[in-house]
Protein backbone atom coordinates (compact mmCIF):
# COMPACT_ATOMS: atom_id res chain seq x y z
CA MET A 1 132.37 178.64 116.84
CA LEU A 2 128.93 179.64 117.22
CA GLN A 3 128.14 182.97 114.26
CA ILE A 4 124.78 184.26 113.50
CA LYS A 5 124.20 185.99 110.20
CA GLU A 6 121.02 188.46 109.35
CA LEU A 7 118.35 186.40 111.24
CA ASN A 8 114.92 187.30 111.16
CA GLN A 9 112.05 186.53 113.40
CA TYR A 10 108.08 186.62 113.66
CA TYR A 11 105.74 186.02 115.80
CA GLY A 12 102.77 185.66 113.49
CA GLU A 13 102.34 189.05 111.74
CA SER A 14 104.73 190.42 114.32
CA HIS A 15 108.52 191.06 113.29
CA THR A 16 110.51 190.28 116.12
CA LEU A 17 114.44 190.08 115.05
CA TRP A 18 115.38 192.30 112.54
CA ASP A 19 118.81 191.43 110.93
CA ILE A 20 120.29 189.82 113.81
CA GLU A 21 124.30 189.70 113.45
CA LEU A 22 125.96 187.48 116.33
CA PHE A 23 129.55 186.06 116.46
CA VAL A 24 130.60 184.23 119.96
CA PRO A 25 134.34 182.93 119.52
CA LYS A 26 135.51 179.63 120.17
CA GLY A 27 136.22 179.02 124.11
CA LYS A 28 135.38 182.60 124.99
CA CYS A 29 131.89 184.10 127.05
CA THR A 30 130.05 186.31 125.40
CA CYS A 31 127.16 188.36 127.09
CA LEU A 32 123.82 189.44 124.57
CA MET A 33 122.22 192.37 126.27
CA GLY A 34 119.69 194.88 126.56
CA ARG A 35 116.58 195.45 128.06
CA ASN A 36 113.86 193.37 128.93
CA GLY A 37 111.62 192.56 125.79
CA VAL A 38 113.90 193.07 123.27
CA GLY A 39 114.43 189.51 122.18
CA LYS A 40 117.17 187.86 124.04
CA THR A 41 115.77 184.92 125.14
CA THR A 42 113.28 184.54 122.01
CA LEU A 43 116.95 184.92 119.94
CA LEU A 44 117.90 182.03 122.49
CA ASP A 45 114.91 179.66 121.47
CA VAL A 46 115.58 180.19 117.77
CA ILE A 47 118.91 179.52 117.81
CA MET A 48 117.66 176.66 120.29
CA GLY A 49 115.58 175.24 117.78
CA LEU A 50 112.82 175.50 120.19
CA LEU A 51 111.26 178.33 117.61
CA PRO A 52 111.36 179.18 113.54
CA LEU A 53 112.98 181.36 112.29
CA GLN A 54 112.11 183.27 108.63
CA SER A 55 115.25 184.28 107.67
CA GLY A 56 119.01 183.74 107.83
CA GLN A 57 121.70 181.54 109.34
CA ILE A 58 122.81 180.02 112.30
CA ILE A 59 125.89 178.37 112.24
CA LEU A 60 127.91 175.99 114.43
CA ASP A 61 131.53 175.36 114.41
CA GLY A 62 131.34 175.36 110.50
CA THR A 63 128.53 173.31 110.18
CA GLU A 64 125.03 175.23 109.31
CA ILE A 65 121.98 174.01 111.78
CA THR A 66 119.81 176.40 110.96
CA LYS A 67 117.57 173.36 110.06
CA PHE A 68 118.25 170.91 112.50
CA ALA A 69 115.69 169.93 114.67
CA ALA A 70 116.43 171.15 118.63
CA GLU A 71 117.37 167.81 119.86
CA LYS A 72 119.67 167.11 117.28
CA ARG A 73 121.48 170.68 118.38
CA ALA A 74 121.57 169.12 121.34
CA GLY A 75 123.70 166.20 120.43
CA LEU A 76 125.92 168.37 118.07
CA GLY A 77 127.16 170.00 121.92
CA VAL A 78 124.40 172.74 122.44
CA GLY A 79 123.53 172.95 126.58
CA TYR A 80 120.60 174.71 127.46
CA VAL A 81 119.80 176.04 130.28
CA PRO A 82 116.42 178.51 130.38
CA GLN A 83 115.59 181.29 132.31
CA GLY A 84 113.74 179.99 135.28
CA ARG A 85 115.51 176.83 135.41
CA GLN A 86 112.72 174.61 134.55
CA ILE A 87 114.21 171.37 136.53
CA PHE A 88 111.42 168.75 137.42
CA PRO A 89 110.39 169.38 140.61
CA LEU A 90 108.81 166.03 141.80
CA LEU A 91 112.12 164.09 140.31
CA THR A 92 115.19 163.76 142.77
CA VAL A 93 118.17 165.74 141.51
CA GLN A 94 119.76 162.51 140.22
CA GLU A 95 116.69 161.50 137.96
CA ASN A 96 116.88 165.08 136.80
CA LEU A 97 120.72 164.76 136.01
CA GLU A 98 119.96 161.40 134.55
CA ILE A 99 117.41 162.69 131.78
CA GLY A 100 119.75 163.97 129.31
CA LEU A 101 122.07 161.21 129.38
CA GLY A 102 122.47 159.25 125.37
CA ASN A 103 121.70 162.84 124.49
CA GLY A 104 125.02 164.79 123.92
CA ARG A 105 128.01 164.68 122.19
CA SER A 106 130.14 161.43 123.72
CA LYS A 107 126.12 159.42 124.57
CA ILE A 108 127.73 158.87 128.15
CA LYS A 109 125.31 156.15 130.02
CA THR A 110 126.02 157.49 133.45
CA ILE A 111 126.49 161.62 135.15
CA PRO A 112 130.06 162.38 134.47
CA ASP A 113 131.71 163.09 137.44
CA LEU A 114 132.95 166.80 136.35
CA VAL A 115 128.88 167.73 137.61
CA PHE A 116 129.68 166.69 140.85
CA SER A 117 133.28 168.30 141.32
CA LEU A 118 131.99 171.34 140.18
CA PHE A 119 128.60 171.28 142.12
CA PRO A 120 129.09 169.02 145.39
CA VAL A 121 125.84 170.22 146.87
CA LEU A 122 124.40 168.16 144.09
CA LYS A 123 126.27 164.74 145.21
CA GLU A 124 125.38 165.47 148.91
CA MET A 125 121.65 165.82 147.75
CA LYS A 126 120.75 163.55 145.06
CA ASN A 127 118.05 161.95 146.60
CA ARG A 128 116.32 165.29 147.43
CA ARG A 129 113.64 166.24 144.73
CA GLY A 130 114.05 169.00 142.75
CA GLY A 131 111.62 170.91 143.98
CA ASP A 132 112.76 171.16 147.76
CA LEU A 133 115.91 172.65 146.52
CA SER A 134 116.76 176.22 147.10
CA GLY A 135 116.72 178.83 143.77
CA GLY A 136 120.39 178.36 143.95
CA GLN A 137 120.72 175.05 144.49
CA GLN A 138 118.36 174.54 141.73
CA GLN A 139 120.26 176.96 139.09
CA GLN A 140 123.22 174.35 140.04
CA LEU A 141 121.19 171.60 139.32
CA ALA A 142 119.65 173.67 135.75
CA ILE A 143 123.50 174.03 135.20
CA GLY A 144 124.47 170.18 135.86
CA ARG A 145 122.08 169.08 133.71
CA ALA A 146 123.04 170.56 130.67
CA LEU A 147 126.85 169.72 131.55
CA VAL A 148 125.65 166.43 131.22
CA LEU A 149 125.32 166.48 127.45
CA ASP A 150 128.64 167.10 127.37
CA PRO A 151 128.06 170.59 125.61
CA SER A 152 131.03 172.25 123.38
CA LEU A 153 128.45 175.02 123.43
CA LEU A 154 126.53 176.43 126.70
CA ILE A 155 123.65 178.92 126.68
CA LEU A 156 122.74 180.65 129.74
CA ASP A 157 119.60 182.62 130.18
CA GLU A 158 119.92 184.92 133.42
CA PRO A 159 121.65 182.38 136.10
CA THR A 160 121.88 184.92 138.42
CA GLU A 161 118.00 185.83 138.44
CA GLY A 162 116.71 185.49 141.96
CA ILE A 163 119.91 183.73 143.14
CA GLN A 164 121.65 184.27 146.27
CA PRO A 165 124.74 186.11 146.00
CA ASN A 166 127.25 183.32 147.65
CA ILE A 167 125.46 181.29 144.54
CA VAL A 168 125.87 184.39 142.05
CA HIS A 169 129.77 184.12 142.90
CA GLU A 170 130.25 180.31 142.46
CA ILE A 171 128.69 180.20 139.47
CA GLY A 172 130.53 183.61 137.95
CA ASP A 173 133.67 180.95 139.55
CA ILE A 174 132.00 178.11 137.15
CA VAL A 175 131.80 179.98 133.96
CA ASN A 176 135.51 181.34 134.16
CA THR A 177 136.53 177.85 134.86
CA LEU A 178 134.75 176.17 131.91
CA LYS A 179 135.58 178.27 129.53
CA SER A 180 139.39 178.51 130.53
CA GLU A 181 140.25 175.03 132.27
CA LEU A 182 137.18 172.94 129.91
CA GLY A 183 137.40 175.21 126.60
CA ILE A 184 133.29 175.72 126.61
CA THR A 185 132.50 178.48 124.52
CA VAL A 186 129.22 179.91 126.38
CA LEU A 187 126.39 182.66 124.73
CA LEU A 188 125.12 184.00 128.08
CA VAL A 189 122.08 186.64 128.86
CA GLU A 190 122.63 188.38 131.83
CA GLN A 191 121.79 191.61 133.54
CA LYS A 192 123.75 192.25 136.13
CA LEU A 193 126.32 194.47 134.47
CA PRO A 194 129.71 193.43 137.42
CA PHE A 195 128.10 189.53 136.64
CA ALA A 196 128.80 190.24 132.91
CA ARG A 197 132.02 191.90 133.59
CA ALA A 198 133.68 189.45 135.61
CA VAL A 199 132.82 186.53 133.55
CA ALA A 200 132.08 187.75 129.43
CA ASP A 201 135.09 188.36 127.20
CA GLY A 202 132.75 190.54 124.59
CA PHE A 203 129.00 191.76 124.53
CA THR A 204 126.29 192.03 121.60
CA ILE A 205 123.59 194.43 122.60
CA LEU A 206 120.04 194.32 121.30
CA ASP A 207 117.65 196.92 120.83
CA ARG A 208 113.94 196.35 119.28
CA GLY A 209 114.99 193.12 118.03
CA ARG A 210 118.05 194.02 116.47
CA SER A 211 122.16 193.62 117.42
CA VAL A 212 123.05 197.17 117.78
CA ALA A 213 126.85 197.12 119.01
CA ALA A 214 129.13 194.68 119.86
CA GLY A 215 133.26 194.10 121.01
CA ASP A 216 135.18 193.22 123.60
CA MET A 217 133.44 193.40 127.28
CA ASP A 218 136.22 196.10 128.57
CA THR A 219 134.59 198.17 125.40
CA LEU A 220 130.85 198.53 126.58
CA ASP A 221 131.41 201.83 128.02
CA GLU A 222 129.18 204.68 129.79
CA LYS A 223 127.52 205.92 126.79
CA LEU A 224 126.19 202.56 125.45
CA ILE A 225 125.39 201.58 128.86
CA ARG A 226 123.06 204.53 129.39
CA LYS A 227 121.57 204.16 126.04
CA TYR A 228 120.60 200.59 125.73
CA LEU A 229 121.26 199.19 128.84
CA THR A 230 119.97 201.76 132.08
CA VAL A 231 116.19 201.55 132.51
């Protein structure tokens, strides 16, 4: 579904991503892991076309999208929920959701029923301003906004950060529903290991801007955790 080959990226003279290799199988959830500052969010921004790369390839469902603009990638079915959610606080829930209409694969003009069936609270609060929602509700809104694009690939950057435990559990259930029932591929950045184990089928670990380990989630052992993930 998504394949990254020998990707290199620079900030000015600083070489931030080194020959990154990443494979996200279709219909599965792959967790991108690593300590703070190793390049996880930078890699996501490169995948989305928000940052340029120096060299390498980004291949989505057999099509190389390396030189595509960010809006074209969204139109091909890539949904992105950035760290910190980045909803529009002065717009209503409904207006936040409507922003993506017409920009996704199916070019739909109305909010799909799927969003409100997955997140009933958004339907109840559709006339409330986004900034008035709790952190967990804002995260649900951010995911719902990405789903309006009808994505085949959903990218989630730290979706459980600062979220109350009951909402974390709900988000986990939704990720599992998206991949198992709707066939949506998920690339997840997550530092909470129990959540990652609950939803991810595979993992890739970054360390100092390099991909250093990858495999099925059940092969993520204590040796790798101690070496690359513990603080």
